[in-house]
Protein backbone atom coordinates (compact mmCIF):
# COMPACT_ATOMS: atom_id res chain seq x y z
CA MET A 1 5.69 8.52 7.05
CA PRO A 2 2.20 7.32 7.99
CA THR A 3 -0.94 8.14 6.02
CA THR A 4 -3.95 9.33 8.02
CA LEU A 5 -7.48 8.53 6.84
CA ARG A 6 -10.92 9.09 8.34
CA VAL A 7 -13.56 6.37 7.94
CA ARG A 8 -16.54 7.52 5.87
CA PHE A 9 -20.09 6.26 6.27
CA HIS A 10 -20.29 4.64 2.82
CA GLU A 11 -17.29 2.41 3.70
CA LEU A 12 -19.25 0.56 6.40
CA ASP A 13 -20.86 -2.85 6.23
CA PRO A 14 -24.37 -3.53 7.61
CA TYR A 15 -22.85 -4.07 11.09
CA GLY A 16 -21.34 -0.57 11.27
CA HIS A 17 -17.75 -1.74 10.68
CA VAL A 18 -15.44 -0.85 7.82
CA ASN A 19 -16.07 -3.41 5.06
CA HIS A 20 -13.13 -5.81 4.69
CA ALA A 21 -12.54 -4.83 1.04
CA VAL A 22 -12.24 -1.12 1.95
CA TYR A 23 -9.09 -1.87 3.95
CA LEU A 24 -7.40 -2.87 0.68
CA SER A 25 -8.05 0.64 -0.63
CA TYR A 26 -6.58 2.14 2.54
CA LEU A 27 -3.43 0.05 2.06
CA GLU A 28 -3.18 1.16 -1.58
CA VAL A 29 -3.56 4.84 -0.68
CA ALA A 30 -0.72 4.54 1.84
CA ARG A 31 1.65 2.79 -0.61
CA ILE A 32 1.00 5.46 -3.24
CA ASP A 33 1.40 8.25 -0.65
CA HIS A 34 4.70 6.83 0.57
CA LEU A 35 6.12 6.60 -2.93
CA ALA A 36 4.84 10.09 -3.80
CA ALA A 37 6.56 11.48 -0.70
CA ARG A 38 9.77 10.06 -2.14
CA GLY A 39 9.26 11.68 -5.54
CA ILE A 40 7.56 8.80 -7.36
CA ASP A 41 4.31 9.47 -9.23
CA LEU A 42 3.30 6.03 -10.50
CA LEU A 43 1.29 7.35 -13.46
CA GLU A 44 4.16 9.58 -14.56
CA LEU A 45 6.63 6.72 -14.09
CA THR A 46 4.47 4.49 -16.28
CA ALA A 47 4.16 7.17 -18.98
CA ARG A 48 7.95 7.62 -19.03
CA THR A 49 9.24 4.05 -18.60
CA GLY A 50 6.28 1.76 -19.28
CA ALA A 51 6.76 0.22 -15.82
CA GLN A 52 3.61 -0.67 -13.90
CA LEU A 53 3.79 -1.64 -10.22
CA VAL A 54 0.91 -4.08 -9.74
CA VAL A 55 -0.32 -6.08 -6.75
CA VAL A 56 0.10 -9.81 -7.33
CA GLY A 57 -0.68 -11.08 -3.85
CA ILE A 58 -2.01 -9.88 -0.55
CA GLU A 59 -2.41 -11.51 2.84
CA VAL A 60 -4.49 -9.63 5.39
CA ASP A 61 -5.12 -10.24 9.08
CA TYR A 62 -8.19 -8.39 10.38
CA LEU A 63 -7.60 -7.94 14.12
CA ALA A 64 -10.22 -5.38 15.19
CA PRO A 65 -12.96 -3.33 13.50
CA ALA A 66 -12.99 0.35 12.59
CA ALA A 67 -16.19 2.39 12.59
CA ALA A 68 -17.55 5.64 11.16
CA ARG A 69 -15.43 8.73 11.83
CA ASP A 70 -12.50 6.73 13.24
CA GLU A 71 -9.16 8.30 12.37
CA LEU A 72 -6.82 5.61 11.07
CA THR A 73 -3.08 5.62 10.52
CA VAL A 74 -1.68 3.40 7.76
CA THR A 75 2.02 2.53 7.67
CA CYS A 76 4.06 0.99 4.89
CA ARG A 77 7.48 -0.66 5.17
CA LEU A 78 9.46 -2.39 2.47
CA HIS A 79 10.08 -5.96 3.58
CA GLU A 80 11.90 -7.27 0.51
CA ARG A 81 12.92 -6.00 -2.89
CA ARG A 82 13.99 -8.11 -5.84
CA ARG A 83 14.87 -7.30 -9.44
CA ALA A 84 11.24 -7.01 -10.60
CA SER A 85 9.19 -7.26 -7.41
CA ALA A 86 8.75 -5.98 -3.88
CA ARG A 87 6.96 -7.04 -0.71
CA PHE A 88 5.52 -4.53 1.74
CA ASP A 89 4.47 -4.94 5.36
CA GLN A 90 1.61 -2.62 6.26
CA GLU A 91 -0.49 -1.86 9.33
CA ILE A 92 -3.67 0.06 9.92
CA ARG A 93 -4.04 1.49 13.42
CA ARG A 94 -6.57 3.45 15.40
CA GLY A 95 -4.49 5.17 18.05
CA GLY A 96 -2.31 2.47 19.58
CA THR A 97 -4.53 -0.42 18.45
CA VAL A 98 -3.50 -2.43 15.39
CA LEU A 99 -6.65 -3.16 13.38
CA VAL A 100 -5.10 -4.73 10.27
CA ARG A 101 -1.76 -6.28 9.34
CA ALA A 102 -1.05 -6.96 5.68
CA ARG A 103 1.69 -8.38 3.51
CA VAL A 104 1.47 -7.07 -0.04
CA ARG A 105 3.46 -8.51 -2.96
CA THR A 106 3.93 -6.38 -6.06
CA ALA A 107 5.53 -7.04 -9.43
CA THR A 108 6.78 -4.64 -12.06
CA ILE A 109 5.42 -5.33 -15.52
CA ASP A 110 5.74 -3.70 -18.93
CA PRO A 111 2.71 -2.55 -20.98
CA ALA A 112 2.36 -6.07 -22.43
CA GLY A 113 2.14 -7.57 -18.93
CA ARG A 114 5.61 -9.14 -18.92
CA PRO A 115 7.91 -8.83 -15.88
CA MET A 116 10.47 -6.05 -16.11
CA ALA A 117 13.21 -4.74 -13.86
CA LEU A 118 12.30 -1.99 -11.42
CA PRO A 119 13.27 1.44 -12.83
CA THR A 120 16.24 3.06 -11.06
CA GLU A 121 14.22 5.85 -9.45
CA LEU A 122 11.67 3.36 -8.13
CA LEU A 123 14.50 1.31 -6.62
CA ALA A 124 15.72 4.38 -4.72
CA ALA A 125 12.20 5.20 -3.49
CA LEU A 126 11.64 1.61 -2.34
CA ASP A 127 14.98 1.55 -0.53
CA ALA A 128 13.88 4.69 1.35
CA LEU A 129 10.85 2.71 2.63
CA GLU A 130 12.96 -0.11 4.02
CA GLY A 131 12.60 -0.48 7.75
CA PRO A 132 14.78 -1.98 10.45
């Protein structure tokens, strides 16, 4: 299930392109949307279980720029899931053109910041994201 976003003027750099840091927000929005579509509200999950899904690493390839009013599609696919972590492969496209490819590593931590096992319902939601 892709997330669709429209580039807003305040997200642009002085050259009229989406600022590189803004793409990280787009990726985050898509991961949250994908989990929400599978019944996971991260804030509610944290309130109930103490589990926090946090980004611990990100690798981004910027392939082409986006500009004001572009409609972008952001995809999210689970690449790997472990006991307390997950890795996502994500893309941002404008039409058929891939603008950004990213690999995002997340960890699950407790309120004290220590690693903890992924809650059962989060495991099921992540498995639903797994691609071919």
